[in-house]
Amino acid sequence: MFRRPYVWGGTTPEGFDCSGLVQYVYAKNGIKLPRVSQDQSKLGKDVPLNELQPNDLLFWGGVGTAHHVAIYIGDGYFIQAPQPGDKVRITKISDYKPDFARRLS
């Protein structure tokens, strides 16, 4: 999925938006998620940002109103589909700190 283009509403390797990327990755692992970040942010349980584990979901905004979502991959990094004109990329959490995190398992 790395370096795939950002596409608003995208849910396939042809192009992803943030929640489409998260939905796609989880589906490939047998976990069905809602389509949009607002609904994804309501799932699972809260996780303190200093206790993150790989596969935790990171959110910007509020629960039920999140406007961005990414997947924590460990060692202080996450994968995201950031914005139009950009590509799926890995970002250091200290460069773009999320507002909260959720764990689905």
C-alpha atoms as a PDB file:
ATOM      1  CA  MET A   1       0.000   0.000   0.000  1.00  0.00           C
ATOM      2  CA  PHE A   2       2.997   2.231   0.530  1.00  0.00           C
ATOM      3  CA  ARG A   3       3.260   5.102  -1.977  1.00  0.00           C
ATOM      4  CA  ARG A   4      -0.208   4.558  -3.437  1.00  0.00           C
ATOM      5  CA  PRO A   5      -1.908   7.843  -4.371  1.00  0.00           C
ATOM      6  CA  TYR A   6      -4.364   9.627  -2.125  1.00  0.00           C
ATOM      7  CA  VAL A   7      -7.822   9.582  -3.709  1.00  0.00           C
ATOM      8  CA  TRP A   8     -10.788  11.166  -1.900  1.00  0.00           C
ATOM      9  CA  GLY A   9     -13.210   8.308  -1.201  1.00  0.00           C
ATOM     10  CA  GLY A  10     -10.623   5.757  -2.387  1.00  0.00           C
ATOM     11  CA  THR A  11     -10.821   2.236  -0.990  1.00  0.00           C
ATOM     12  CA  THR A  12      -8.567   0.210  -3.321  1.00  0.00           C
ATOM     13  CA  PRO A  13      -4.858   0.031  -4.175  1.00  0.00           C
ATOM     14  CA  GLU A  14      -5.651   2.318  -7.130  1.00  0.00           C
ATOM     15  CA  GLY A  15      -5.939   5.065  -4.514  1.00  0.00           C
ATOM     16  CA  PHE A  16      -6.908   5.492  -0.866  1.00  0.00           C
ATOM     17  CA  ASP A  17      -8.187   8.147   1.441  1.00  0.00           C
ATOM     18  CA  CYS A  18      -7.283   7.768   5.124  1.00  0.00           C
ATOM     19  CA  SER A  19     -10.263   5.706   6.233  1.00  0.00           C
ATOM     20  CA  GLY A  20     -10.298   3.695   3.006  1.00  0.00           C
ATOM     21  CA  LEU A  21      -6.695   2.640   3.645  1.00  0.00           C
ATOM     22  CA  VAL A  22      -7.526   1.581   7.201  1.00  0.00           C
ATOM     23  CA  GLN A  23     -10.646  -0.287   6.078  1.00  0.00           C
ATOM     24  CA  TYR A  24      -8.703  -2.068   3.307  1.00  0.00           C
ATOM     25  CA  VAL A  25      -5.800  -3.161   5.540  1.00  0.00           C
ATOM     26  CA  TYR A  26      -8.089  -4.482   8.255  1.00  0.00           C
ATOM     27  CA  ALA A  27     -10.299  -6.286   5.686  1.00  0.00           C
ATOM     28  CA  LYS A  28      -7.194  -8.039   4.326  1.00  0.00           C
ATOM     29  CA  ASN A  29      -6.757  -9.362   7.863  1.00  0.00           C
ATOM     30  CA  GLY A  30     -10.363 -10.517   8.201  1.00  0.00           C
ATOM     31  CA  ILE A  31     -11.681  -7.548  10.177  1.00  0.00           C
ATOM     32  CA  LYS A  32     -14.600  -5.574   8.782  1.00  0.00           C
ATOM     33  CA  LEU A  33     -14.597  -1.856   9.635  1.00  0.00           C
ATOM     34  CA  PRO A  34     -16.988   0.978   8.830  1.00  0.00           C
ATOM     35  CA  ARG A  35     -16.089   3.129   5.837  1.00  0.00           C
ATOM     36  CA  VAL A  36     -15.449   6.555   7.403  1.00  0.00           C
ATOM     37  CA  SER A  37     -13.115   7.727  10.176  1.00  0.00           C
ATOM     38  CA  GLN A  38     -15.983   9.161  12.233  1.00  0.00           C
ATOM     39  CA  ASP A  39     -17.489   5.672  12.559  1.00  0.00           C
ATOM     40  CA  GLN A  40     -14.121   3.927  12.898  1.00  0.00           C
ATOM     41  CA  SER A  41     -13.322   6.195  15.865  1.00  0.00           C
ATOM     42  CA  LYS A  42     -16.218   4.707  17.852  1.00  0.00           C
ATOM     43  CA  LEU A  43     -14.814   1.162  17.758  1.00  0.00           C
ATOM     44  CA  GLY A  44     -12.613  -0.638  20.270  1.00  0.00           C
ATOM     45  CA  LYS A  45     -11.255   0.827  23.463  1.00  0.00           C
ATOM     46  CA  ASP A  46      -9.258   3.939  24.268  1.00  0.00           C
ATOM     47  CA  VAL A  47      -5.494   3.539  24.415  1.00  0.00           C
ATOM     48  CA  PRO A  48      -3.154   6.103  26.004  1.00  0.00           C
ATOM     49  CA  LEU A  49      -0.747   7.461  23.384  1.00  0.00           C
ATOM     50  CA  ASN A  50       2.202   6.317  25.515  1.00  0.00           C
ATOM     51  CA  GLU A  51       0.935   2.691  25.397  1.00  0.00           C
ATOM     52  CA  LEU A  52       0.498   2.256  21.642  1.00  0.00           C
ATOM     53  CA  GLN A  53       0.957  -1.142  20.012  1.00  0.00           C
ATOM     54  CA  PRO A  54       1.199  -1.992  16.304  1.00  0.00           C
ATOM     55  CA  ASN A  55      -2.219  -1.985  14.606  1.00  0.00           C
ATOM     56  CA  ASP A  56      -3.756   0.533  17.011  1.00  0.00           C
ATOM     57  CA  LEU A  57      -5.777   3.159  15.173  1.00  0.00           C
ATOM     58  CA  LEU A  58      -4.748   6.799  15.559  1.00  0.00           C
ATOM     59  CA  PHE A  59      -7.297   9.590  15.200  1.00  0.00           C
ATOM     60  CA  TRP A  60      -7.317  13.343  14.772  1.00  0.00           C
ATOM     61  CA  GLY A  61     -10.463  15.131  15.937  1.00  0.00           C
ATOM     62  CA  GLY A  62     -12.920  13.649  18.420  1.00  0.00           C
ATOM     63  CA  VAL A  63     -14.688  10.341  18.953  1.00  0.00           C
ATOM     64  CA  GLY A  64     -17.469  10.313  16.380  1.00  0.00           C
ATOM     65  CA  THR A  65     -16.095  13.438  14.701  1.00  0.00           C
ATOM     66  CA  ALA A  66     -12.604  12.264  13.695  1.00  0.00           C
ATOM     67  CA  HIS A  67     -11.391  13.811  10.449  1.00  0.00           C
ATOM     68  CA  HIS A  68      -8.281  11.640   9.983  1.00  0.00           C
ATOM     69  CA  VAL A  69      -7.219   8.087  10.852  1.00  0.00           C
ATOM     70  CA  ALA A  70      -3.968   6.134  10.530  1.00  0.00           C
ATOM     71  CA  ILE A  71      -2.491   2.810  11.649  1.00  0.00           C
ATOM     72  CA  TYR A  72       0.296   2.706  14.214  1.00  0.00           C
ATOM     73  CA  ILE A  73       3.101   0.414  13.004  1.00  0.00           C
ATOM     74  CA  GLY A  74       5.454   0.604  15.995  1.00  0.00           C
ATOM     75  CA  ASP A  75       8.635   2.378  17.052  1.00  0.00           C
ATOM     76  CA  GLY A  76       6.934   5.777  16.938  1.00  0.00           C
ATOM     77  CA  TYR A  77       5.669   5.530  13.337  1.00  0.00           C
ATOM     78  CA  PHE A  78       2.322   5.191  11.592  1.00  0.00           C
ATOM     79  CA  ILE A  79       1.110   4.657   8.034  1.00  0.00           C
ATOM     80  CA  GLN A  80      -1.408   7.067   6.560  1.00  0.00           C
ATOM     81  CA  ALA A  81      -3.030   8.372   3.401  1.00  0.00           C
ATOM     82  CA  PRO A  82      -2.485  12.033   4.265  1.00  0.00           C
ATOM     83  CA  GLN A  83      -4.188  14.381   1.794  1.00  0.00           C
ATOM     84  CA  PRO A  84      -5.018  15.073  -1.862  1.00  0.00           C
ATOM     85  CA  GLY A  85      -1.888  15.252  -4.022  1.00  0.00           C
ATOM     86  CA  ASP A  86       0.066  13.063  -1.614  1.00  0.00           C
ATOM     87  CA  LYS A  87       0.759   9.329  -1.395  1.00  0.00           C
ATOM     88  CA  VAL A  88       0.375   6.701   1.319  1.00  0.00           C
ATOM     89  CA  ARG A  89       3.401   7.147   3.545  1.00  0.00           C
ATOM     90  CA  ILE A  90       4.984   6.395   6.880  1.00  0.00           C
ATOM     91  CA  THR A  91       5.096   9.304   9.317  1.00  0.00           C
ATOM     92  CA  LYS A  92       6.829   9.812  12.650  1.00  0.00           C
ATOM     93  CA  ILE A  93       4.234  10.246  15.389  1.00  0.00           C
ATOM     94  CA  SER A  94       6.152  13.173  16.886  1.00  0.00           C
ATOM     95  CA  ASP A  95       5.732  15.016  13.556  1.00  0.00           C
ATOM     96  CA  TYR A  96       1.927  14.703  13.519  1.00  0.00           C
ATOM     97  CA  LYS A  97       0.610  13.810  16.969  1.00  0.00           C
ATOM     98  CA  PRO A  98      -2.861  12.226  17.039  1.00  0.00           C
ATOM     99  CA  ASP A  99      -5.583  13.332  19.424  1.00  0.00           C
ATOM    100  CA  PHE A 100      -6.428   9.809  20.574  1.00  0.00           C
ATOM    101  CA  ALA A 101      -6.019   6.113  19.784  1.00  0.00           C
ATOM    102  CA  ARG A 102      -8.257   3.038  19.793  1.00  0.00           C
ATOM    103  CA  ARG A 103      -7.418  -0.670  20.022  1.00  0.00           C
ATOM    104  CA  LEU A 104      -9.731  -3.114  18.302  1.00  0.00           C
ATOM    105  CA  SER A 105      -8.591  -6.341  19.966  1.00  0.00           C
END
